[in-house]
Amino acid sequence: MIKIAIVDDNSFLIKTIQEKLSFFEDFMLKFTAFNGLDLIEKLEKNHNIDLILMDIEMPKMNGIEATEIIKNKYPQIKILILTVFENDENIFNAIKAGADGYLLKDAKAEKIHQSINEILDGGAA
C-alpha cells in the first residue's frame, strides 16, 4: 500500500486529486495539508508517508520551500509536484529543491498512477 499526502491550498483541487486516486486500490491517502507549513507540522506527528503530491503556489510556505525542507529532514519521502503552471523556472526550482517529478494537475488518473509508480521505482515523472 502506497501512503500518500496531498498538499494544496485549494480544497476543490484536493478533492479532485482524491477522486483520481480513488480508482487505484494500491494508494492510501494518509492526510492533506493546505500549505508547506501545515504539511511540515503534520509530518512531525507522522512521517510514515511514501509520497507527497505537492502544489507550488501556496500561502505561508510554497511547495518549493517545503520540498527543500522535507528532502533534508525526510530524504526517503518522494515528492511529485502537481501544478497548473507549465513554467520552466518552477520546474527547475522544484527539481533543484529535491522534487522527484513534476506533473500538471489536469493529468488523467492513469498518468498520475503511472508517475507515482515510476517515482517509487527510482525513475522521474
N, C-alpha and C. Protein backbone atom coordinates (compact mmCIF):
# COMPACT_ATOMS: atom_id res chain seq x y z
N MET A 1 0.84 -1.19 0.00
CA MET A 1 0.00 0.00 0.00
C MET A 1 0.89 1.25 0.00
N ILE A 2 0.65 2.13 -0.95
CA ILE A 2 1.44 3.37 -1.07
C ILE A 2 0.74 4.47 -0.28
N LYS A 3 1.46 5.00 0.72
CA LYS A 3 0.90 6.03 1.60
C LYS A 3 1.21 7.42 1.04
N ILE A 4 0.14 8.19 0.82
CA ILE A 4 0.25 9.47 0.11
C ILE A 4 -0.31 10.61 0.95
N ALA A 5 0.31 11.79 0.79
CA ALA A 5 -0.22 13.04 1.34
C ALA A 5 -0.43 13.99 0.16
N ILE A 6 -1.49 14.80 0.22
CA ILE A 6 -1.76 15.79 -0.81
C ILE A 6 -1.65 17.17 -0.17
N VAL A 7 -0.90 18.07 -0.83
CA VAL A 7 -0.71 19.42 -0.31
C VAL A 7 -1.15 20.42 -1.38
N ASP A 8 -2.20 21.17 -1.07
CA ASP A 8 -2.71 22.17 -2.00
C ASP A 8 -3.56 23.16 -1.20
N ASP A 9 -3.48 24.44 -1.55
CA ASP A 9 -4.28 25.44 -0.83
C ASP A 9 -5.71 25.52 -1.37
N ASN A 10 -6.03 24.75 -2.40
CA ASN A 10 -7.36 24.76 -2.99
C ASN A 10 -8.07 23.45 -2.64
N SER A 11 -9.07 23.51 -1.76
CA SER A 11 -9.73 22.28 -1.29
C SER A 11 -10.47 21.57 -2.44
N PHE A 12 -10.94 22.31 -3.44
CA PHE A 12 -11.58 21.69 -4.60
C PHE A 12 -10.57 20.82 -5.35
N LEU A 13 -9.36 21.33 -5.52
CA LEU A 13 -8.34 20.56 -6.23
C LEU A 13 -7.90 19.34 -5.41
N ILE A 14 -7.85 19.47 -4.09
CA ILE A 14 -7.55 18.31 -3.24
C ILE A 14 -8.59 17.22 -3.49
N LYS A 15 -9.87 17.61 -3.49
CA LYS A 15 -10.95 16.63 -3.72
C LYS A 15 -10.83 15.99 -5.11
N THR A 16 -10.48 16.79 -6.12
CA THR A 16 -10.31 16.27 -7.48
C THR A 16 -9.20 15.22 -7.52
N ILE A 17 -8.08 15.51 -6.87
CA ILE A 17 -6.95 14.57 -6.84
C ILE A 17 -7.35 13.31 -6.07
N GLN A 18 -8.05 13.49 -4.95
CA GLN A 18 -8.52 12.34 -4.17
C GLN A 18 -9.40 11.43 -5.04
N GLU A 19 -10.29 12.04 -5.82
CA GLU A 19 -11.16 11.24 -6.69
C GLU A 19 -10.34 10.47 -7.72
N LYS A 20 -9.32 11.11 -8.30
CA LYS A 20 -8.48 10.43 -9.28
C LYS A 20 -7.75 9.25 -8.63
N LEU A 21 -7.25 9.44 -7.41
CA LEU A 21 -6.52 8.37 -6.72
C LEU A 21 -7.44 7.24 -6.28
N SER A 22 -8.74 7.53 -6.08
CA SER A 22 -9.67 6.53 -5.57
C SER A 22 -9.88 5.37 -6.54
N PHE A 23 -9.48 5.53 -7.80
CA PHE A 23 -9.60 4.45 -8.78
C PHE A 23 -8.58 3.33 -8.54
N PHE A 24 -7.58 3.60 -7.71
CA PHE A 24 -6.48 2.65 -7.54
C PHE A 24 -6.41 2.14 -6.11
N GLU A 25 -6.48 0.82 -5.96
CA GLU A 25 -6.51 0.20 -4.63
C GLU A 25 -5.16 0.21 -3.93
N ASP A 26 -4.07 0.49 -4.67
CA ASP A 26 -2.74 0.45 -4.05
C ASP A 26 -2.36 1.78 -3.38
N PHE A 27 -3.26 2.77 -3.41
CA PHE A 27 -2.99 4.07 -2.78
C PHE A 27 -3.83 4.24 -1.51
N MET A 28 -3.20 4.80 -0.47
CA MET A 28 -3.92 5.15 0.74
C MET A 28 -3.59 6.59 1.09
N LEU A 29 -4.60 7.44 1.13
CA LEU A 29 -4.39 8.84 1.50
C LEU A 29 -4.25 8.93 3.01
N LYS A 30 -3.08 9.36 3.48
CA LYS A 30 -2.83 9.49 4.92
C LYS A 30 -3.36 10.81 5.46
N PHE A 31 -3.10 11.91 4.72
CA PHE A 31 -3.62 13.22 5.13
C PHE A 31 -3.47 14.23 4.00
N THR A 32 -4.14 15.37 4.20
CA THR A 32 -3.99 16.50 3.29
C THR A 32 -3.49 17.69 4.10
N ALA A 33 -2.86 18.63 3.41
CA ALA A 33 -2.39 19.86 4.06
C ALA A 33 -2.66 21.02 3.10
N PHE A 34 -2.81 22.23 3.65
CA PHE A 34 -3.18 23.39 2.83
C PHE A 34 -2.02 24.29 2.45
N ASN A 35 -0.83 24.02 3.00
CA ASN A 35 0.38 24.76 2.60
C ASN A 35 1.60 24.01 3.16
N GLY A 36 2.79 24.48 2.81
CA GLY A 36 4.00 23.80 3.23
C GLY A 36 4.18 23.74 4.73
N LEU A 37 3.80 24.81 5.41
CA LEU A 37 3.93 24.86 6.87
C LEU A 37 3.02 23.83 7.53
N ASP A 38 1.79 23.77 7.06
CA ASP A 38 0.81 22.80 7.55
C ASP A 38 1.35 21.38 7.33
N LEU A 39 1.93 21.12 6.17
CA LEU A 39 2.49 19.81 5.85
C LEU A 39 3.61 19.43 6.81
N ILE A 40 4.53 20.35 7.04
CA ILE A 40 5.68 20.06 7.91
C ILE A 40 5.21 19.76 9.33
N GLU A 41 4.22 20.50 9.82
CA GLU A 41 3.66 20.22 11.15
C GLU A 41 3.05 18.83 11.20
N LYS A 42 2.33 18.44 10.15
CA LYS A 42 1.71 17.11 10.12
C LYS A 42 2.76 16.00 10.00
N LEU A 43 3.82 16.26 9.24
CA LEU A 43 4.88 15.25 9.10
C LEU A 43 5.63 15.03 10.40
N GLU A 44 5.74 16.06 11.23
CA GLU A 44 6.41 15.90 12.52
C GLU A 44 5.64 14.94 13.41
N LYS A 45 4.31 14.89 13.24
CA LYS A 45 3.48 13.96 14.01
C LYS A 45 3.49 12.57 13.39
N ASN A 46 3.55 12.49 12.05
CA ASN A 46 3.52 11.21 11.36
C ASN A 46 4.22 11.34 10.01
N HIS A 47 5.46 10.89 9.91
CA HIS A 47 6.18 10.95 8.64
C HIS A 47 6.25 9.59 7.94
N ASN A 48 5.29 8.73 8.27
CA ASN A 48 5.19 7.42 7.62
C ASN A 48 4.43 7.59 6.30
N ILE A 49 5.07 8.29 5.37
CA ILE A 49 4.49 8.63 4.07
C ILE A 49 5.49 8.17 3.00
N ASP A 50 4.96 7.64 1.91
CA ASP A 50 5.83 7.24 0.79
C ASP A 50 6.01 8.37 -0.21
N LEU A 51 4.92 9.13 -0.45
CA LEU A 51 4.96 10.13 -1.50
C LEU A 51 4.03 11.29 -1.17
N ILE A 52 4.48 12.49 -1.54
CA ILE A 52 3.67 13.70 -1.36
C ILE A 52 3.36 14.28 -2.73
N LEU A 53 2.08 14.56 -2.97
CA LEU A 53 1.66 15.29 -4.16
C LEU A 53 1.60 16.76 -3.74
N MET A 54 2.49 17.57 -4.29
CA MET A 54 2.73 18.93 -3.78
C MET A 54 2.42 20.01 -4.82
N ASP A 55 1.60 20.96 -4.40
CA ASP A 55 1.35 22.16 -5.20
C ASP A 55 2.55 23.09 -5.05
N ILE A 56 2.72 24.05 -5.96
CA ILE A 56 3.83 25.01 -5.83
C ILE A 56 3.36 26.30 -5.18
N GLU A 57 2.36 26.94 -5.78
CA GLU A 57 1.91 28.25 -5.30
C GLU A 57 0.95 28.10 -4.13
N MET A 58 1.44 28.38 -2.91
CA MET A 58 0.61 28.30 -1.71
C MET A 58 1.02 29.41 -0.74
N PRO A 59 0.08 29.85 0.10
CA PRO A 59 0.43 30.87 1.11
C PRO A 59 1.28 30.26 2.24
N LYS A 60 1.85 31.11 3.06
CA LYS A 60 2.68 30.75 4.23
C LYS A 60 4.00 30.09 3.86
N MET A 61 3.94 28.98 3.09
CA MET A 61 5.16 28.33 2.59
C MET A 61 4.81 27.62 1.29
N ASN A 62 5.51 27.99 0.22
CA ASN A 62 5.20 27.38 -1.07
C ASN A 62 5.78 25.96 -1.17
N GLY A 63 5.42 25.28 -2.25
CA GLY A 63 5.83 23.89 -2.43
C GLY A 63 7.31 23.70 -2.64
N ILE A 64 7.98 24.68 -3.22
CA ILE A 64 9.42 24.56 -3.45
C ILE A 64 10.18 24.65 -2.13
N GLU A 65 9.80 25.62 -1.28
CA GLU A 65 10.44 25.74 0.05
C GLU A 65 10.17 24.49 0.88
N ALA A 66 8.92 24.01 0.86
CA ALA A 66 8.55 22.82 1.63
C ALA A 66 9.31 21.59 1.14
N THR A 67 9.46 21.47 -0.18
CA THR A 67 10.19 20.34 -0.75
C THR A 67 11.63 20.30 -0.23
N GLU A 68 12.28 21.45 -0.24
CA GLU A 68 13.67 21.51 0.22
C GLU A 68 13.80 21.09 1.68
N ILE A 69 12.90 21.57 2.53
CA ILE A 69 12.93 21.23 3.97
C ILE A 69 12.67 19.73 4.16
N ILE A 70 11.65 19.22 3.48
CA ILE A 70 11.28 17.81 3.64
C ILE A 70 12.39 16.89 3.14
N LYS A 71 12.99 17.21 2.01
CA LYS A 71 14.06 16.37 1.46
C LYS A 71 15.28 16.36 2.38
N ASN A 72 15.53 17.44 3.10
CA ASN A 72 16.64 17.46 4.05
C ASN A 72 16.31 16.65 5.29
N LYS A 73 15.06 16.72 5.75
CA LYS A 73 14.68 16.07 7.00
C LYS A 73 14.22 14.61 6.79
N TYR A 74 13.51 14.36 5.69
CA TYR A 74 12.96 13.02 5.40
C TYR A 74 13.32 12.63 3.96
N PRO A 75 14.59 12.33 3.69
CA PRO A 75 15.01 12.07 2.30
C PRO A 75 14.32 10.87 1.65
N GLN A 76 13.75 9.97 2.45
CA GLN A 76 13.10 8.78 1.90
C GLN A 76 11.74 9.10 1.28
N ILE A 77 11.14 10.23 1.64
CA ILE A 77 9.82 10.59 1.10
C ILE A 77 9.99 11.16 -0.30
N LYS A 78 9.25 10.60 -1.25
CA LYS A 78 9.28 11.08 -2.63
C LYS A 78 8.28 12.23 -2.77
N ILE A 79 8.61 13.18 -3.64
CA ILE A 79 7.73 14.34 -3.85
C ILE A 79 7.46 14.51 -5.34
N LEU A 80 6.17 14.49 -5.67
CA LEU A 80 5.72 14.74 -7.03
C LEU A 80 5.01 16.09 -7.03
N ILE A 81 5.57 17.03 -7.76
CA ILE A 81 4.97 18.36 -7.85
C ILE A 81 3.77 18.29 -8.80
N LEU A 82 2.62 18.75 -8.32
CA LEU A 82 1.42 18.84 -9.15
C LEU A 82 1.07 20.32 -9.23
N THR A 83 1.06 20.86 -10.44
CA THR A 83 0.80 22.29 -10.57
C THR A 83 0.02 22.60 -11.84
N VAL A 84 -0.57 23.77 -11.88
CA VAL A 84 -1.27 24.22 -13.09
C VAL A 84 -0.31 24.94 -14.02
N PHE A 85 0.87 25.29 -13.51
CA PHE A 85 1.83 26.08 -14.29
C PHE A 85 2.84 25.19 -15.00
N GLU A 86 2.93 25.31 -16.33
CA GLU A 86 3.99 24.63 -17.06
C GLU A 86 5.09 25.67 -17.27
N ASN A 87 5.77 25.97 -16.17
CA ASN A 87 6.73 27.07 -16.11
C ASN A 87 8.12 26.49 -15.90
N ASP A 88 9.01 26.72 -16.86
CA ASP A 88 10.36 26.14 -16.79
C ASP A 88 11.11 26.52 -15.52
N GLU A 89 10.94 27.76 -15.06
CA GLU A 89 11.64 28.20 -13.84
C GLU A 89 11.12 27.44 -12.62
N ASN A 90 9.79 27.25 -12.54
CA ASN A 90 9.22 26.48 -11.44
C ASN A 90 9.69 25.03 -11.47
N ILE A 91 9.73 24.44 -12.67
CA ILE A 91 10.19 23.06 -12.80
C ILE A 91 11.64 22.96 -12.32
N PHE A 92 12.49 23.87 -12.81
CA PHE A 92 13.90 23.88 -12.43
C PHE A 92 14.06 24.04 -10.92
N ASN A 93 13.36 25.01 -10.32
CA ASN A 93 13.48 25.25 -8.88
C ASN A 93 12.95 24.08 -8.05
N ALA A 94 11.89 23.44 -8.52
CA ALA A 94 11.34 22.29 -7.79
C ALA A 94 12.31 21.12 -7.82
N ILE A 95 12.90 20.85 -8.99
CA ILE A 95 13.87 19.75 -9.11
C ILE A 95 15.12 20.07 -8.29
N LYS A 96 15.56 21.32 -8.35
CA LYS A 96 16.73 21.74 -7.58
C LYS A 96 16.48 21.57 -6.07
N ALA A 97 15.23 21.80 -5.64
CA ALA A 97 14.88 21.65 -4.22
C ALA A 97 14.77 20.19 -3.81
N GLY A 98 14.76 19.28 -4.80
CA GLY A 98 14.73 17.85 -4.48
C GLY A 98 13.50 17.10 -4.95
N ALA A 99 12.59 17.77 -5.66
CA ALA A 99 11.38 17.08 -6.15
C ALA A 99 11.79 15.92 -7.05
N ASP A 100 11.02 14.83 -6.96
CA ASP A 100 11.32 13.63 -7.73
C ASP A 100 10.62 13.61 -9.09
N GLY A 101 9.66 14.51 -9.27
CA GLY A 101 8.93 14.56 -10.53
C GLY A 101 8.01 15.76 -10.56
N TYR A 102 7.39 15.95 -11.71
CA TYR A 102 6.59 17.15 -11.98
C TYR A 102 5.47 16.76 -12.92
N LEU A 103 4.24 17.12 -12.57
CA LEU A 103 3.09 16.76 -13.37
C LEU A 103 2.08 17.90 -13.34
N LEU A 104 1.35 18.08 -14.44
CA LEU A 104 0.29 19.10 -14.45
C LEU A 104 -0.96 18.54 -13.78
N LYS A 105 -1.69 19.43 -13.07
CA LYS A 105 -2.86 18.99 -12.30
C LYS A 105 -3.97 18.40 -13.15
N ASP A 106 -4.02 18.77 -14.43
CA ASP A 106 -5.08 18.23 -15.28
C ASP A 106 -4.73 16.85 -15.85
N ALA A 107 -3.64 16.25 -15.37
CA ALA A 107 -3.26 14.90 -15.82
C ALA A 107 -4.37 13.91 -15.48
N LYS A 108 -4.55 12.95 -16.36
CA LYS A 108 -5.55 11.90 -16.14
C LYS A 108 -5.11 11.00 -14.98
N ALA A 109 -6.09 10.33 -14.37
CA ALA A 109 -5.83 9.45 -13.22
C ALA A 109 -4.75 8.42 -13.54
N GLU A 110 -4.82 7.83 -14.74
CA GLU A 110 -3.85 6.79 -15.12
C GLU A 110 -2.43 7.37 -15.17
N LYS A 111 -2.30 8.61 -15.65
CA LYS A 111 -0.98 9.25 -15.74
C LYS A 111 -0.42 9.52 -14.34
N ILE A 112 -1.27 9.96 -13.42
CA ILE A 112 -0.84 10.19 -12.03
C ILE A 112 -0.37 8.87 -11.42
N HIS A 113 -1.17 7.81 -11.60
CA HIS A 113 -0.84 6.49 -11.07
C HIS A 113 0.50 6.01 -11.63
N GLN A 114 0.67 6.12 -12.94
CA GLN A 114 1.91 5.70 -13.61
C GLN A 114 3.10 6.51 -13.10
N SER A 115 2.93 7.81 -12.94
CA SER A 115 4.01 8.69 -12.48
C SER A 115 4.43 8.35 -11.06
N ILE A 116 3.46 8.11 -10.19
CA ILE A 116 3.76 7.74 -8.80
C ILE A 116 4.58 6.46 -8.77
N ASN A 117 4.14 5.46 -9.54
CA ASN A 117 4.87 4.18 -9.56
C ASN A 117 6.27 4.34 -10.14
N GLU A 118 6.43 5.17 -11.18
CA GLU A 118 7.75 5.42 -11.75
C GLU A 118 8.69 6.03 -10.70
N ILE A 119 8.19 7.01 -9.98
CA ILE A 119 8.99 7.69 -8.96
C ILE A 119 9.40 6.71 -7.84
N LEU A 120 8.43 5.92 -7.39
CA LEU A 120 8.73 4.96 -6.32
C LEU A 120 9.68 3.86 -6.77
N ASP A 121 9.76 3.62 -8.09
CA ASP A 121 10.70 2.64 -8.64
C ASP A 121 12.05 3.29 -8.97
N GLY A 122 12.22 4.58 -8.59
CA GLY A 122 13.51 5.23 -8.79
C GLY A 122 13.62 6.07 -10.04
N GLY A 123 12.54 6.16 -10.80
CA GLY A 123 12.55 6.97 -12.02
C GLY A 123 12.10 8.40 -11.72
N ALA A 124 11.77 9.12 -12.79
CA ALA A 124 11.28 10.50 -12.65
C ALA A 124 10.08 10.68 -13.56
N ALA A 125 9.16 11.51 -13.12
CA ALA A 125 7.96 11.77 -13.93
C ALA A 125 8.09 13.15 -14.57
